[in-house]
Structures are given as structure tokens and as C-alpha cells.
N, C-alpha and C. Protein backbone atom coordinates (compact mmCIF):
# COMPACT_ATOMS: atom_id res chain seq x y z
N MET A 1 -0.77 -18.58 38.11
CA MET A 1 -1.22 -19.94 38.33
C MET A 1 -0.52 -20.89 37.37
N SER A 2 -0.16 -22.03 37.87
CA SER A 2 0.43 -23.04 37.00
C SER A 2 -0.66 -23.99 36.51
N GLU A 3 -0.44 -24.49 35.31
CA GLU A 3 -1.42 -25.40 34.72
C GLU A 3 -1.31 -26.77 35.39
N GLU A 4 -2.45 -27.30 35.82
CA GLU A 4 -2.47 -28.62 36.46
C GLU A 4 -2.35 -29.71 35.40
N LYS A 5 -1.47 -30.66 35.63
CA LYS A 5 -1.29 -31.76 34.70
C LYS A 5 -2.05 -32.97 35.22
N SER A 6 -3.12 -33.31 34.53
CA SER A 6 -3.95 -34.45 34.94
C SER A 6 -3.45 -35.72 34.28
N PRO A 7 -3.22 -36.77 35.04
CA PRO A 7 -2.79 -38.03 34.43
C PRO A 7 -3.93 -38.70 33.68
N TRP A 8 -3.58 -39.42 32.63
CA TRP A 8 -4.56 -40.19 31.87
C TRP A 8 -3.90 -41.49 31.44
N MET A 9 -4.74 -42.49 31.09
CA MET A 9 -4.22 -43.79 30.70
C MET A 9 -5.04 -44.34 29.54
N CYS A 10 -4.36 -44.88 28.54
CA CYS A 10 -5.01 -45.50 27.39
C CYS A 10 -5.66 -46.81 27.84
N HIS A 11 -6.93 -47.00 27.49
CA HIS A 11 -7.62 -48.22 27.91
C HIS A 11 -7.21 -49.44 27.08
N VAL A 12 -6.49 -49.25 25.98
CA VAL A 12 -6.06 -50.37 25.14
C VAL A 12 -4.70 -50.90 25.59
N CYS A 13 -3.70 -50.01 25.67
CA CYS A 13 -2.34 -50.45 25.98
C CYS A 13 -1.89 -50.07 27.39
N HIS A 14 -2.73 -49.35 28.12
CA HIS A 14 -2.45 -48.92 29.49
C HIS A 14 -1.26 -47.97 29.57
N HIS A 15 -0.99 -47.25 28.49
CA HIS A 15 0.04 -46.21 28.49
C HIS A 15 -0.43 -45.10 29.43
N TYR A 16 0.43 -44.72 30.36
CA TYR A 16 0.12 -43.72 31.37
C TYR A 16 0.92 -42.46 31.08
N SER A 17 0.29 -41.29 31.14
CA SER A 17 1.00 -40.05 30.85
C SER A 17 0.37 -38.88 31.58
N THR A 18 1.18 -37.87 31.83
CA THR A 18 0.69 -36.59 32.34
C THR A 18 0.94 -35.50 31.30
N ILE A 19 1.48 -35.89 30.15
CA ILE A 19 1.77 -34.94 29.07
C ILE A 19 0.63 -34.99 28.07
N GLY A 20 0.08 -33.85 27.75
CA GLY A 20 -1.00 -33.79 26.77
C GLY A 20 -2.28 -34.41 27.32
N GLU A 21 -3.12 -34.81 26.39
CA GLU A 21 -4.40 -35.41 26.76
C GLU A 21 -4.62 -36.66 25.92
N GLY A 22 -5.37 -37.58 26.46
CA GLY A 22 -5.79 -38.74 25.68
C GLY A 22 -6.91 -38.33 24.74
N ILE A 23 -7.22 -39.18 23.80
CA ILE A 23 -8.29 -38.91 22.84
C ILE A 23 -9.46 -39.83 23.19
N VAL A 24 -10.66 -39.28 23.21
CA VAL A 24 -11.84 -40.05 23.58
C VAL A 24 -12.43 -40.72 22.34
N CYS A 25 -12.69 -42.01 22.45
CA CYS A 25 -13.34 -42.77 21.39
C CYS A 25 -14.81 -42.34 21.30
N ASP A 26 -15.29 -42.11 20.08
CA ASP A 26 -16.68 -41.69 19.88
C ASP A 26 -17.68 -42.84 20.06
N GLU A 27 -17.20 -44.06 20.16
CA GLU A 27 -18.08 -45.22 20.36
C GLU A 27 -18.20 -45.61 21.83
N CYS A 28 -17.06 -45.83 22.49
CA CYS A 28 -17.09 -46.31 23.88
C CYS A 28 -16.80 -45.22 24.90
N TYR A 29 -16.41 -44.03 24.43
CA TYR A 29 -16.14 -42.86 25.28
C TYR A 29 -15.01 -43.08 26.29
N MET A 30 -14.06 -43.97 25.96
CA MET A 30 -12.91 -44.20 26.83
C MET A 30 -11.68 -43.52 26.25
N LEU A 31 -10.74 -43.14 27.13
CA LEU A 31 -9.51 -42.48 26.69
C LEU A 31 -8.59 -43.45 25.98
N THR A 32 -7.96 -42.95 24.91
CA THR A 32 -7.08 -43.76 24.09
C THR A 32 -5.90 -42.90 23.66
N CYS A 33 -4.74 -43.53 23.48
CA CYS A 33 -3.56 -42.82 22.98
C CYS A 33 -3.64 -42.71 21.46
N ASN A 34 -2.76 -41.90 20.88
CA ASN A 34 -2.73 -41.71 19.41
C ASN A 34 -2.49 -43.00 18.65
N GLU A 35 -1.79 -43.93 19.25
CA GLU A 35 -1.45 -45.18 18.57
C GLU A 35 -2.66 -46.09 18.37
N HIS A 36 -3.69 -45.95 19.18
CA HIS A 36 -4.81 -46.89 19.16
C HIS A 36 -6.14 -46.24 18.79
N ILE A 37 -6.09 -45.17 18.03
CA ILE A 37 -7.31 -44.53 17.56
C ILE A 37 -7.15 -44.13 16.11
N THR A 38 -8.23 -44.15 15.37
CA THR A 38 -8.21 -43.75 13.97
C THR A 38 -9.50 -43.00 13.66
N THR A 39 -9.49 -42.26 12.58
CA THR A 39 -10.69 -41.57 12.14
C THR A 39 -11.36 -42.43 11.08
N ALA A 40 -12.64 -42.71 11.30
CA ALA A 40 -13.38 -43.58 10.38
C ALA A 40 -14.63 -42.87 9.88
N THR A 41 -15.06 -43.25 8.69
CA THR A 41 -16.29 -42.73 8.12
C THR A 41 -17.43 -43.65 8.55
N VAL A 42 -18.44 -43.07 9.22
CA VAL A 42 -19.54 -43.85 9.77
C VAL A 42 -20.86 -43.26 9.28
N LEU A 43 -21.77 -44.13 8.84
CA LEU A 43 -23.08 -43.68 8.36
C LEU A 43 -23.97 -43.32 9.54
N ASN A 44 -24.53 -42.11 9.51
CA ASN A 44 -25.51 -41.68 10.50
C ASN A 44 -26.88 -42.10 9.97
N ASN A 45 -27.51 -43.06 10.63
CA ASN A 45 -28.79 -43.59 10.15
C ASN A 45 -29.91 -42.57 10.17
N GLU A 46 -29.86 -41.60 11.08
CA GLU A 46 -30.92 -40.59 11.18
C GLU A 46 -30.88 -39.60 10.02
N SER A 47 -29.67 -39.12 9.68
CA SER A 47 -29.56 -38.12 8.63
C SER A 47 -29.27 -38.73 7.25
N GLY A 48 -28.76 -39.96 7.24
CA GLY A 48 -28.39 -40.58 5.99
C GLY A 48 -27.05 -40.10 5.45
N LEU A 49 -26.34 -39.31 6.24
CA LEU A 49 -25.05 -38.76 5.84
C LEU A 49 -23.92 -39.49 6.55
N TYR A 50 -22.75 -39.46 5.94
CA TYR A 50 -21.57 -40.05 6.57
C TYR A 50 -20.90 -39.01 7.45
N GLU A 51 -20.38 -39.44 8.59
CA GLU A 51 -19.70 -38.57 9.54
C GLU A 51 -18.32 -39.14 9.83
N LEU A 52 -17.39 -38.25 10.15
CA LEU A 52 -16.06 -38.69 10.58
C LEU A 52 -16.07 -38.84 12.10
N LYS A 53 -15.65 -40.02 12.58
CA LYS A 53 -15.61 -40.28 14.01
C LYS A 53 -14.26 -40.86 14.38
N LYS A 54 -13.82 -40.56 15.57
CA LYS A 54 -12.59 -41.15 16.11
C LYS A 54 -12.99 -42.43 16.83
N ILE A 55 -12.44 -43.57 16.38
CA ILE A 55 -12.82 -44.86 16.92
C ILE A 55 -11.56 -45.63 17.31
N CYS A 56 -11.57 -46.21 18.52
CA CYS A 56 -10.42 -46.96 19.01
C CYS A 56 -10.36 -48.34 18.34
N VAL A 57 -9.21 -49.00 18.45
CA VAL A 57 -9.04 -50.29 17.79
C VAL A 57 -9.96 -51.36 18.37
N GLU A 58 -10.30 -51.28 19.65
CA GLU A 58 -11.21 -52.26 20.24
C GLU A 58 -12.60 -52.15 19.62
N CYS A 59 -13.10 -50.93 19.46
CA CYS A 59 -14.42 -50.75 18.85
C CYS A 59 -14.41 -51.13 17.38
N GLN A 60 -13.31 -50.85 16.68
CA GLN A 60 -13.18 -51.27 15.28
C GLN A 60 -13.23 -52.79 15.17
N PHE A 61 -12.54 -53.47 16.07
CA PHE A 61 -12.52 -54.93 16.07
C PHE A 61 -13.91 -55.49 16.35
N LYS A 62 -14.61 -54.92 17.32
CA LYS A 62 -15.98 -55.37 17.62
C LYS A 62 -16.90 -55.20 16.43
N LYS A 63 -16.77 -54.06 15.71
CA LYS A 63 -17.60 -53.83 14.54
C LYS A 63 -17.30 -54.83 13.42
N SER A 64 -16.02 -55.15 13.24
CA SER A 64 -15.67 -56.08 12.17
C SER A 64 -16.16 -57.49 12.49
N LEU A 65 -16.27 -57.85 13.76
CA LEU A 65 -16.82 -59.16 14.14
C LEU A 65 -18.32 -59.23 13.91
N ASN A 66 -19.02 -58.10 14.06
CA ASN A 66 -20.47 -58.08 13.92
C ASN A 66 -20.92 -58.04 12.47
N GLN A 67 -20.03 -57.74 11.54
CA GLN A 67 -20.45 -57.64 10.14
C GLN A 67 -20.41 -58.96 9.44
């Protein structure tokens, strides 16, 4: 069997690819390319501990506007 290549598209820059996989943002759950995602430290209010999350630039921008 050959591996099926599923197309994906970055929701920020609309980069389209069938190579590899996009990365899902932990905030908005949309696919993003490597160029538009970063790992951020986010406080979990329930546990009081900090967690590492992958967050896209759009969600980062929204958070910076709300602060």
C-alpha cells in the first residue's frame, strides 16, 4: 500500500502543501505552517502550573490585544 498524501493549508498565510503535516494551534485548533506557530508558556488556571502550548501568530496577537 502506498501512503496517502493529504493536502493541508495554513490558515494564516494560506500555504498549501501535500508534504508533511500542518501543526494544530492549541488555542483555535486550526492548521498552521511552521512559520506561523510558536511554543508558549501558558498558565493552567485549574492546576496552577505552567504548560507548553503551540500557539499560532493570530492567537498570540489576540491575546496581546486583550492584556
